[in-house]
Amino acid sequence: MRKTPKALLVDALRDLLPSEVISQPKRTFTFPWERWLRGALGEQVAAGITQVPDVLRPLVSAEAFQSVWQAILEGRTGWARPWSLYVLNQWVRHNIEES
């Protein structure tokens, strides 16, 4: 017996989906983070990374954060490193500095 990917979704929509859609193998979907970070989202992330929250300064230097942003601009790193730093900064600002 072959396992159907997303079986609950397929069962819920079976009468609406053509059989060729149901029988297709599962495919991946990747968000275009690299492109987004080189566009308008990149401006927001760059601003968020260059302003390191005070609570993080003993742990990491502002220069280290900026070097990660420069590395993505130069193609020396992928999207995950600057995005992770941006999310960390935003989390600290929201959950620690504003508390």
PDB file of N, CA and C in Angstrom:
ATOM      1  N   MET A   1       0.829  -1.184   0.000  1.00  0.00           N
ATOM      2  CA  MET A   1       0.000   0.000   0.000  1.00  0.00           C
ATOM      3  C   MET A   1       0.876   1.251   0.000  1.00  0.00           C
ATOM      4  N   ARG A   2       0.641   2.137  -0.955  1.00  0.00           N
ATOM      5  CA  ARG A   2       1.418   3.366  -1.062  1.00  0.00           C
ATOM      6  C   ARG A   2       0.810   4.440  -0.163  1.00  0.00           C
ATOM      7  N   LYS A   3       1.662   5.114   0.575  1.00  0.00           N
ATOM      8  CA  LYS A   3       1.212   6.165   1.475  1.00  0.00           C
ATOM      9  C   LYS A   3       0.957   7.447   0.673  1.00  0.00           C
ATOM     10  N   THR A   4      -0.179   8.076   0.882  1.00  0.00           N
ATOM     11  CA  THR A   4      -0.516   9.310   0.187  1.00  0.00           C
ATOM     12  C   THR A   4       0.022  10.495   0.974  1.00  0.00           C
ATOM     13  N   PRO A   5       0.863  11.344   0.332  1.00  0.00           N
ATOM     14  CA  PRO A   5       1.323  12.540   1.026  1.00  0.00           C
ATOM     15  C   PRO A   5       0.129  13.436   1.367  1.00  0.00           C
ATOM     16  N   LYS A   6       0.170  14.024   2.546  1.00  0.00           N
ATOM     17  CA  LYS A   6      -0.894  14.925   3.001  1.00  0.00           C
ATOM     18  C   LYS A   6      -2.259  14.251   2.913  1.00  0.00           C
ATOM     19  N   ALA A   7      -2.342  13.059   3.434  1.00  0.00           N
ATOM     20  CA  ALA A   7      -3.551  12.239   3.323  1.00  0.00           C
ATOM     21  C   ALA A   7      -4.801  12.936   3.854  1.00  0.00           C
ATOM     22  N   LEU A   8      -4.702  13.648   4.958  1.00  0.00           N
ATOM     23  CA  LEU A   8      -5.876  14.326   5.503  1.00  0.00           C
ATOM     24  C   LEU A   8      -6.382  15.400   4.552  1.00  0.00           C
ATOM     25  N   LEU A   9      -5.470  16.156   3.961  1.00  0.00           N
ATOM     26  CA  LEU A   9      -5.853  17.191   3.010  1.00  0.00           C
ATOM     27  C   LEU A   9      -6.479  16.575   1.762  1.00  0.00           C
ATOM     28  N   VAL A  10      -5.865  15.527   1.263  1.00  0.00           N
ATOM     29  CA  VAL A  10      -6.397  14.842   0.079  1.00  0.00           C
ATOM     30  C   VAL A  10      -7.784  14.282   0.369  1.00  0.00           C
ATOM     31  N   ASP A  11      -7.963  13.643   1.525  1.00  0.00           N
ATOM     32  CA  ASP A  11      -9.274  13.094   1.868  1.00  0.00           C
ATOM     33  C   ASP A  11     -10.333  14.192   1.967  1.00  0.00           C
ATOM     34  N   ALA A  12      -9.950  15.341   2.512  1.00  0.00           N
ATOM     35  CA  ALA A  12     -10.905  16.428   2.671  1.00  0.00           C
ATOM     36  C   ALA A  12     -11.306  17.034   1.330  1.00  0.00           C
ATOM     37  N   LEU A  13     -10.404  16.987   0.351  1.00  0.00           N
ATOM     38  CA  LEU A  13     -10.663  17.619  -0.945  1.00  0.00           C
ATOM     39  C   LEU A  13     -10.796  16.650  -2.101  1.00  0.00           C
ATOM     40  N   ARG A  14     -10.882  15.359  -1.794  1.00  0.00           N
ATOM     41  CA  ARG A  14     -10.856  14.324  -2.827  1.00  0.00           C
ATOM     42  C   ARG A  14     -11.864  14.586  -3.954  1.00  0.00           C
ATOM     43  N   ASP A  15     -13.081  14.987  -3.615  1.00  0.00           N
ATOM     44  CA  ASP A  15     -14.093  15.193  -4.658  1.00  0.00           C
ATOM     45  C   ASP A  15     -13.848  16.477  -5.464  1.00  0.00           C
ATOM     46  N   LEU A  16     -12.933  17.328  -5.031  1.00  0.00           N
ATOM     47  CA  LEU A  16     -12.622  18.563  -5.751  1.00  0.00           C
ATOM     48  C   LEU A  16     -11.338  18.466  -6.581  1.00  0.00           C
ATOM     49  N   LEU A  17     -10.496  17.475  -6.253  1.00  0.00           N
ATOM     50  CA  LEU A  17      -9.203  17.345  -6.931  1.00  0.00           C
ATOM     51  C   LEU A  17      -9.245  16.308  -8.039  1.00  0.00           C
ATOM     52  N   PRO A  18      -8.653  16.619  -9.194  1.00  0.00           N
ATOM     53  CA  PRO A  18      -8.547  15.600 -10.240  1.00  0.00           C
ATOM     54  C   PRO A  18      -7.632  14.464  -9.766  1.00  0.00           C
ATOM     55  N   SER A  19      -7.886  13.269 -10.216  1.00  0.00           N
ATOM     56  CA  SER A  19      -7.100  12.106  -9.774  1.00  0.00           C
ATOM     57  C   SER A  19      -5.618  12.255 -10.103  1.00  0.00           C
ATOM     58  N   GLU A  20      -5.293  12.920 -11.229  1.00  0.00           N
ATOM     59  CA  GLU A  20      -3.865  13.094 -11.570  1.00  0.00           C
ATOM     60  C   GLU A  20      -3.148  13.985 -10.559  1.00  0.00           C
ATOM     61  N   VAL A  21      -3.867  14.885  -9.901  1.00  0.00           N
ATOM     62  CA  VAL A  21      -3.253  15.710  -8.866  1.00  0.00           C
ATOM     63  C   VAL A  21      -3.004  14.870  -7.619  1.00  0.00           C
ATOM     64  N   ILE A  22      -3.953  14.048  -7.267  1.00  0.00           N
ATOM     65  CA  ILE A  22      -3.827  13.199  -6.078  1.00  0.00           C
ATOM     66  C   ILE A  22      -2.694  12.192  -6.227  1.00  0.00           C
ATOM     67  N   SER A  23      -2.497  11.665  -7.420  1.00  0.00           N
ATOM     68  CA  SER A  23      -1.498  10.610  -7.618  1.00  0.00           C
ATOM     69  C   SER A  23      -0.090  11.139  -7.889  1.00  0.00           C
ATOM     70  N   GLN A  24       0.089  12.445  -7.978  1.00  0.00           N
ATOM     71  CA  GLN A  24       1.426  12.989  -8.217  1.00  0.00           C
ATOM     72  C   GLN A  24       2.321  12.765  -7.009  1.00  0.00           C
ATOM     73  N   PRO A  25       3.618  12.575  -7.255  1.00  0.00           N
ATOM     74  CA  PRO A  25       4.538  12.453  -6.120  1.00  0.00           C
ATOM     75  C   PRO A  25       4.670  13.804  -5.411  1.00  0.00           C
ATOM     76  N   LYS A  26       5.007  13.767  -4.158  1.00  0.00           N
ATOM     77  CA  LYS A  26       5.184  14.975  -3.373  1.00  0.00           C
ATOM     78  C   LYS A  26       6.364  15.771  -3.929  1.00  0.00           C
ATOM     79  N   ARG A  27       6.182  17.062  -4.034  1.00  0.00           N
ATOM     80  CA  ARG A  27       7.249  17.947  -4.502  1.00  0.00           C
ATOM     81  C   ARG A  27       7.607  18.936  -3.399  1.00  0.00           C
ATOM     82  N   THR A  28       8.782  19.497  -3.515  1.00  0.00           N
ATOM     83  CA  THR A  28       9.207  20.478  -2.521  1.00  0.00           C
ATOM     84  C   THR A  28       8.831  21.880  -2.972  1.00  0.00           C
ATOM     85  N   PHE A  29       8.794  22.760  -2.022  1.00  0.00           N
ATOM     86  CA  PHE A  29       8.562  24.170  -2.290  1.00  0.00           C
ATOM     87  C   PHE A  29       9.561  24.943  -1.449  1.00  0.00           C
ATOM     88  N   THR A  30      10.294  25.828  -2.068  1.00  0.00           N
ATOM     89  CA  THR A  30      11.293  26.618  -1.370  1.00  0.00           C
ATOM     90  C   THR A  30      10.961  28.094  -1.506  1.00  0.00           C
ATOM     91  N   PHE A  31      10.927  28.778  -0.376  1.00  0.00           N
ATOM     92  CA  PHE A  31      10.705  30.221  -0.419  1.00  0.00           C
ATOM     93  C   PHE A  31      11.930  30.911  -1.029  1.00  0.00           C
ATOM     94  N   PRO A  32      11.742  31.975  -1.778  1.00  0.00           N
ATOM     95  CA  PRO A  32      12.870  32.662  -2.429  1.00  0.00           C
ATOM     96  C   PRO A  32      13.569  33.661  -1.502  1.00  0.00           C
ATOM     97  N   TRP A  33      14.108  33.162  -0.395  1.00  0.00           N
ATOM     98  CA  TRP A  33      14.726  34.035   0.604  1.00  0.00           C
ATOM     99  C   TRP A  33      15.844  34.886   0.027  1.00  0.00           C
ATOM    100  N   GLU A  34      16.711  34.292  -0.781  1.00  0.00           N
ATOM    101  CA  GLU A  34      17.838  35.050  -1.359  1.00  0.00           C
ATOM    102  C   GLU A  34      17.319  36.270  -2.111  1.00  0.00           C
ATOM    103  N   ARG A  35      16.318  36.066  -2.957  1.00  0.00           N
ATOM    104  CA  ARG A  35      15.754  37.173  -3.739  1.00  0.00           C
ATOM    105  C   ARG A  35      15.092  38.204  -2.825  1.00  0.00           C
ATOM    106  N   TRP A  36      14.346  37.743  -1.837  1.00  0.00           N
ATOM    107  CA  TRP A  36      13.685  38.656  -0.919  1.00  0.00           C
ATOM    108  C   TRP A  36      14.688  39.519  -0.162  1.00  0.00           C
ATOM    109  N   LEU A  37      15.808  38.892   0.265  1.00  0.00           N
ATOM    110  CA  LEU A  37      16.800  39.635   1.030  1.00  0.00           C
ATOM    111  C   LEU A  37      17.570  40.625   0.168  1.00  0.00           C
ATOM    112  N   ARG A  38      17.517  40.466  -1.124  1.00  0.00           N
ATOM    113  CA  ARG A  38      18.164  41.435  -2.013  1.00  0.00           C
ATOM    114  C   ARG A  38      17.190  42.537  -2.441  1.00  0.00           C
ATOM    115  N   GLY A  39      15.947  42.450  -1.973  1.00  0.00           N
ATOM    116  CA  GLY A  39      14.915  43.435  -2.284  1.00  0.00           C
ATOM    117  C   GLY A  39      14.532  44.228  -1.050  1.00  0.00           C
ATOM    118  N   ALA A  40      13.247  44.582  -0.975  1.00  0.00           N
ATOM    119  CA  ALA A  40      12.744  45.426   0.114  1.00  0.00           C
ATOM    120  C   ALA A  40      12.930  44.786   1.487  1.00  0.00           C
ATOM    121  N   LEU A  41      12.772  43.482   1.588  1.00  0.00           N
ATOM    122  CA  LEU A  41      12.980  42.817   2.875  1.00  0.00           C
ATOM    123  C   LEU A  41      14.431  42.986   3.325  1.00  0.00           C
ATOM    124  N   GLY A  42      15.347  42.994   2.388  1.00  0.00           N
ATOM    125  CA  GLY A  42      16.762  43.162   2.712  1.00  0.00           C
ATOM    126  C   GLY A  42      17.060  44.481   3.401  1.00  0.00           C
ATOM    127  N   GLU A  43      16.380  45.529   2.981  1.00  0.00           N
ATOM    128  CA  GLU A  43      16.570  46.834   3.628  1.00  0.00           C
ATOM    129  C   GLU A  43      16.158  46.766   5.094  1.00  0.00           C
ATOM    130  N   GLN A  44      15.045  46.121   5.359  1.00  0.00           N
ATOM    131  CA  GLN A  44      14.558  45.972   6.726  1.00  0.00           C
ATOM    132  C   GLN A  44      15.508  45.104   7.550  1.00  0.00           C
ATOM    133  N   VAL A  45      15.975  44.008   6.969  1.00  0.00           N
ATOM    134  CA  VAL A  45      16.889  43.105   7.675  1.00  0.00           C
ATOM    135  C   VAL A  45      18.221  43.802   7.947  1.00  0.00           C
ATOM    136  N   ALA A  46      18.745  44.517   6.964  1.00  0.00           N
ATOM    137  CA  ALA A  46      20.012  45.236   7.151  1.00  0.00           C
ATOM    138  C   ALA A  46      19.903  46.240   8.288  1.00  0.00           C
ATOM    139  N   ALA A  47      18.807  46.977   8.337  1.00  0.00           N
ATOM    140  CA  ALA A  47      18.606  47.941   9.415  1.00  0.00           C
ATOM    141  C   ALA A  47      18.484  47.227  10.762  1.00  0.00           C
ATOM    142  N   GLY A  48      17.791  46.107  10.783  1.00  0.00           N
ATOM    143  CA  GLY A  48      17.615  45.349  12.013  1.00  0.00           C
ATOM    144  C   GLY A  48      18.896  44.727  12.520  1.00  0.00           C
ATOM    145  N   ILE A  49      19.763  44.333  11.620  1.00  0.00           N
ATOM    146  CA  ILE A  49      21.026  43.697  12.012  1.00  0.00           C
ATOM    147  C   ILE A  49      22.047  44.728  12.478  1.00  0.00           C
ATOM    148  N   THR A  50      22.071  45.882  11.856  1.00  0.00           N
ATOM    149  CA  THR A  50      23.095  46.874  12.206  1.00  0.00           C
ATOM    150  C   THR A  50      22.813  47.553  13.538  1.00  0.00           C
ATOM    151  N   GLN A  51      21.606  47.424  14.063  1.00  0.00           N
ATOM    152  CA  GLN A  51      21.262  48.000  15.356  1.00  0.00           C
ATOM    153  C   GLN A  51      21.140  46.871  16.383  1.00  0.00           C
ATOM    154  N   VAL A  52      22.281  46.486  16.936  1.00  0.00           N
ATOM    155  CA  VAL A  52      22.318  45.359  17.877  1.00  0.00           C
ATOM    156  C   VAL A  52      21.744  45.804  19.223  1.00  0.00           C
ATOM    157  N   PRO A  53      20.772  45.079  19.769  1.00  0.00           N
ATOM    158  CA  PRO A  53      20.210  45.433  21.078  1.00  0.00           C
ATOM    159  C   PRO A  53      21.286  45.413  22.164  1.00  0.00           C
ATOM    160  N   ASP A  54      21.169  46.310  23.125  1.00  0.00           N
ATOM    161  CA  ASP A  54      22.176  46.422  24.190  1.00  0.00           C
ATOM    162  C   ASP A  54      22.424  45.102  24.915  1.00  0.00           C
ATOM    163  N   VAL A  55      21.370  44.329  25.140  1.00  0.00           N
ATOM    164  CA  VAL A  55      21.516  43.077  25.884  1.00  0.00           C
ATOM    165  C   VAL A  55      22.391  42.063  25.135  1.00  0.00           C
ATOM    166  N   LEU A  56      22.478  42.176  23.819  1.00  0.00           N
ATOM    167  CA  LEU A  56      23.298  41.246  23.036  1.00  0.00           C
ATOM    168  C   LEU A  56      24.751  41.711  22.879  1.00  0.00           C
ATOM    169  N   ARG A  57      25.020  42.983  23.140  1.00  0.00           N
ATOM    170  CA  ARG A  57      26.370  43.529  22.907  1.00  0.00           C
ATOM    171  C   ARG A  57      27.485  42.793  23.661  1.00  0.00           C
ATOM    172  N   PRO A  58      27.267  42.320  24.903  1.00  0.00           N
ATOM    173  CA  PRO A  58      28.341  41.556  25.558  1.00  0.00           C
ATOM    174  C   PRO A  58      28.603  40.200  24.884  1.00  0.00           C
ATOM    175  N   LEU A  59      27.636  39.723  24.111  1.00  0.00           N
ATOM    176  CA  LEU A  59      27.747  38.399  23.508  1.00  0.00           C
ATOM    177  C   LEU A  59      28.275  38.421  22.081  1.00  0.00           C
ATOM    178  N   VAL A  60      27.966  39.488  21.358  1.00  0.00           N
ATOM    179  CA  VAL A  60      28.366  39.567  19.961  1.00  0.00           C
ATOM    180  C   VAL A  60      28.554  41.034  19.586  1.00  0.00           C
ATOM    181  N   SER A  61      29.553  41.285  18.765  1.00  0.00           N
ATOM    182  CA  SER A  61      29.820  42.670  18.377  1.00  0.00           C
ATOM    183  C   SER A  61      28.950  43.100  17.211  1.00  0.00           C
ATOM    184  N   ALA A  62      28.691  44.385  17.132  1.00  0.00           N
ATOM    185  CA  ALA A  62      27.935  44.941  16.011  1.00  0.00           C
ATOM    186  C   ALA A  62      28.679  44.667  14.703  1.00  0.00           C
ATOM    187  N   GLU A  63      30.005  44.663  14.769  1.00  0.00           N
ATOM    188  CA  GLU A  63      30.817  44.397  13.571  1.00  0.00           C
ATOM    189  C   GLU A  63      30.591  42.983  13.053  1.00  0.00           C
ATOM    190  N   ALA A  64      30.393  42.032  13.965  1.00  0.00           N
ATOM    191  CA  ALA A  64      30.133  40.651  13.552  1.00  0.00           C
ATOM    192  C   ALA A  64      28.800  40.559  12.821  1.00  0.00           C
ATOM    193  N   PHE A  65      27.797  41.244  13.338  1.00  0.00           N
ATOM    194  CA  PHE A  65      26.496  41.258  12.677  1.00  0.00           C
ATOM    195  C   PHE A  65      26.617  41.887  11.292  1.00  0.00           C
ATOM    196  N   GLN A  66      27.324  42.998  11.215  1.00  0.00           N
ATOM    197  CA  GLN A  66      27.486  43.696   9.933  1.00  0.00           C
ATOM    198  C   GLN A  66      28.274  42.852   8.937  1.00  0.00           C
ATOM    199  N   SER A  67      29.248  42.093   9.428  1.00  0.00           N
ATOM    200  CA  SER A  67      30.036  41.252   8.513  1.00  0.00           C
ATOM    201  C   SER A  67      29.173  40.134   7.920  1.00  0.00           C
ATOM    202  N   VAL A  68      28.204  39.653   8.681  1.00  0.00           N
ATOM    203  CA  VAL A  68      27.290  38.638   8.142  1.00  0.00           C
ATOM    204  C   VAL A  68      26.447  39.247   7.027  1.00  0.00           C
ATOM    205  N   TRP A  69      25.971  40.461   7.219  1.00  0.00           N
ATOM    206  CA  TRP A  69      25.188  41.112   6.170  1.00  0.00           C
ATOM    207  C   TRP A  69      26.052  41.354   4.930  1.00  0.00           C
ATOM    208  N   GLN A  70      27.273  41.794   5.142  1.00  0.00           N
ATOM    209  CA  GLN A  70      28.185  42.020   4.012  1.00  0.00           C
ATOM    210  C   GLN A  70      28.458  40.705   3.280  1.00  0.00           C
ATOM    211  N   ALA A  71      28.556  39.620   4.009  1.00  0.00           N
ATOM    212  CA  ALA A  71      28.818  38.314   3.395  1.00  0.00           C
ATOM    213  C   ALA A  71      27.684  37.884   2.466  1.00  0.00           C
ATOM    214  N   ILE A  72      26.435  38.158   2.840  1.00  0.00           N
ATOM    215  CA  ILE A  72      25.347  37.783   1.927  1.00  0.00           C
ATOM    216  C   ILE A  72      25.364  38.673   0.695  1.00  0.00           C
ATOM    217  N   LEU A  73      25.682  39.944   0.869  1.00  0.00           N
ATOM    218  CA  LEU A  73      25.741  40.847  -0.288  1.00  0.00           C
ATOM    219  C   LEU A  73      26.823  40.420  -1.278  1.00  0.00           C
ATOM    220  N   GLU A  74      27.902  39.861  -0.743  1.00  0.00           N
ATOM    221  CA  GLU A  74      29.012  39.417  -1.583  1.00  0.00           C
ATOM    222  C   GLU A  74      28.880  37.960  -2.020  1.00  0.00           C
ATOM    223  N   GLY A  75      27.805  37.293  -1.603  1.00  0.00           N
ATOM    224  CA  GLY A  75      27.589  35.909  -2.000  1.00  0.00           C
ATOM    225  C   GLY A  75      28.433  34.898  -1.256  1.00  0.00           C
ATOM    226  N   ARG A  76      28.955  35.269  -0.085  1.00  0.00           N
ATOM    227  CA  ARG A  76      29.803  34.369   0.694  1.00  0.00           C
ATOM    228  C   ARG A  76      29.036  33.581   1.747  1.00  0.00           C
ATOM    229  N   THR A  77      27.747  33.850   1.897  1.00  0.00           N
ATOM    230  CA  THR A  77      26.914  33.090   2.825  1.00  0.00           C
ATOM    231  C   THR A  77      25.493  33.051   2.280  1.00  0.00           C
ATOM    232  N   GLY A  78      24.706  32.165   2.818  1.00  0.00           N
ATOM    233  CA  GLY A  78      23.318  32.049   2.390  1.00  0.00           C
ATOM    234  C   GLY A  78      22.403  32.932   3.215  1.00  0.00           C
ATOM    235  N   TRP A  79      21.130  32.826   2.958  1.00  0.00           N
ATOM    236  CA  TRP A  79      20.131  33.687   3.586  1.00  0.00           C
ATOM    237  C   TRP A  79      19.916  33.393   5.065  1.00  0.00           C
ATOM    238  N   ALA A  80      20.182  32.177   5.504  1.00  0.00           N
ATOM    239  CA  ALA A  80      19.815  31.765   6.862  1.00  0.00           C
ATOM    240  C   ALA A  80      20.580  32.517   7.945  1.00  0.00           C
ATOM    241  N   ARG A  81      21.838  32.808   7.725  1.00  0.00           N
ATOM    242  CA  ARG A  81      22.620  33.489   8.772  1.00  0.00           C
ATOM    243  C   ARG A  81      22.105  34.897   9.046  1.00  0.00           C
ATOM    244  N   PRO A  82      21.977  35.760   8.033  1.00  0.00           N
ATOM    245  CA  PRO A  82      21.454  37.093   8.359  1.00  0.00           C
ATOM    246  C   PRO A  82      20.008  37.055   8.852  1.00  0.00           C
ATOM    247  N   TRP A  83      19.206  36.161   8.293  1.00  0.00           N
ATOM    248  CA  TRP A  83      17.817  36.071   8.739  1.00  0.00           C
ATOM    249  C   TRP A  83      17.748  35.656  10.204  1.00  0.00           C
ATOM    250  N   SER A  84      18.573  34.707  10.608  1.00  0.00           N
ATOM    251  CA  SER A  84      18.600  34.260  12.007  1.00  0.00           C
ATOM    252  C   SER A  84      18.989  35.396  12.945  1.00  0.00           C
ATOM    253  N   LEU A  85      19.976  36.176  12.554  1.00  0.00           N
ATOM    254  CA  LEU A  85      20.391  37.309  13.384  1.00  0.00           C
ATOM    255  C   LEU A  85      19.291  38.362  13.467  1.00  0.00           C
ATOM    256  N   TYR A  86      18.624  38.595  12.368  1.00  0.00           N
ATOM    257  CA  TYR A  86      17.530  39.556  12.349  1.00  0.00           C
ATOM    258  C   TYR A  86      16.407  39.098  13.286  1.00  0.00           C
ATOM    259  N   VAL A  87      16.024  37.841  13.182  1.00  0.00           N
ATOM    260  CA  VAL A  87      14.950  37.301  14.033  1.00  0.00           C
ATOM    261  C   VAL A  87      15.376  37.361  15.501  1.00  0.00           C
ATOM    262  N   LEU A  88      16.626  37.021  15.792  1.00  0.00           N
ATOM    263  CA  LEU A  88      17.126  37.107  17.170  1.00  0.00           C
ATOM    264  C   LEU A  88      17.020  38.543  17.682  1.00  0.00           C
ATOM    265  N   ASN A  89      17.463  39.511  16.889  1.00  0.00           N
ATOM    266  CA  ASN A  89      17.384  40.915  17.291  1.00  0.00           C
ATOM    267  C   ASN A  89      15.947  41.336  17.555  1.00  0.00           C
ATOM    268  N   GLN A  90      15.058  40.965  16.654  1.00  0.00           N
ATOM    269  CA  GLN A  90      13.654  41.334  16.816  1.00  0.00           C
ATOM    270  C   GLN A  90      13.054  40.687  18.062  1.00  0.00           C
ATOM    271  N   TRP A  91      13.398  39.438  18.301  1.00  0.00           N
ATOM    272  CA  TRP A  91      12.882  38.730  19.478  1.00  0.00           C
ATOM    273  C   TRP A  91      13.370  39.414  20.751  1.00  0.00           C
ATOM    274  N   VAL A  92      14.661  39.745  20.795  1.00  0.00           N
ATOM    275  CA  VAL A  92      15.227  40.413  21.984  1.00  0.00           C
ATOM    276  C   VAL A  92      14.554  41.765  22.202  1.00  0.00           C
ATOM    277  N   ARG A  93      14.401  42.529  21.143  1.00  0.00           N
ATOM    278  CA  ARG A  93      13.745  43.837  21.279  1.00  0.00           C
ATOM    279  C   ARG A  93      12.315  43.686  21.814  1.00  0.00           C
ATOM    280  N   HIS A  94      11.604  42.725  21.279  1.00  0.00           N
ATOM    281  CA  HIS A  94      10.196  42.554  21.659  1.00  0.00           C
ATOM    282  C   HIS A  94      10.016  41.938  23.046  1.00  0.00           C
ATOM    283  N   ASN A  95      10.830  40.937  23.375  1.00  0.00           N
ATOM    284  CA  ASN A  95      10.606  40.150  24.589  1.00  0.00           C
ATOM    285  C   ASN A  95      11.476  40.542  25.784  1.00  0.00           C
ATOM    286  N   ILE A  96      12.587  41.207  25.538  1.00  0.00           N
ATOM    287  CA  ILE A  96      13.467  41.553  26.653  1.00  0.00           C
ATOM    288  C   ILE A  96      13.535  43.064  26.866  1.00  0.00           C
ATOM    289  N   GLU A  97      13.832  43.803  25.805  1.00  0.00           N
ATOM    290  CA  GLU A  97      13.989  45.246  25.960  1.00  0.00           C
ATOM    291  C   GLU A  97      12.673  45.939  26.254  1.00  0.00           C
ATOM    292  N   GLU A  98      11.575  45.482  25.697  1.00  0.00           N
ATOM    293  CA  GLU A  98      10.286  46.126  25.911  1.00  0.00           C
ATOM    294  C   GLU A  98       9.593  45.663  27.189  1.00  0.00           C
ATOM    295  N   SER A  99      10.159  44.657  27.842  1.00  0.00           N
ATOM    296  CA  SER A  99       9.532  44.124  29.076  1.00  0.00           C
ATOM    297  C   SER A  99       9.817  45.007  30.261  1.00  0.00           C
TER     298      SER A  99
END
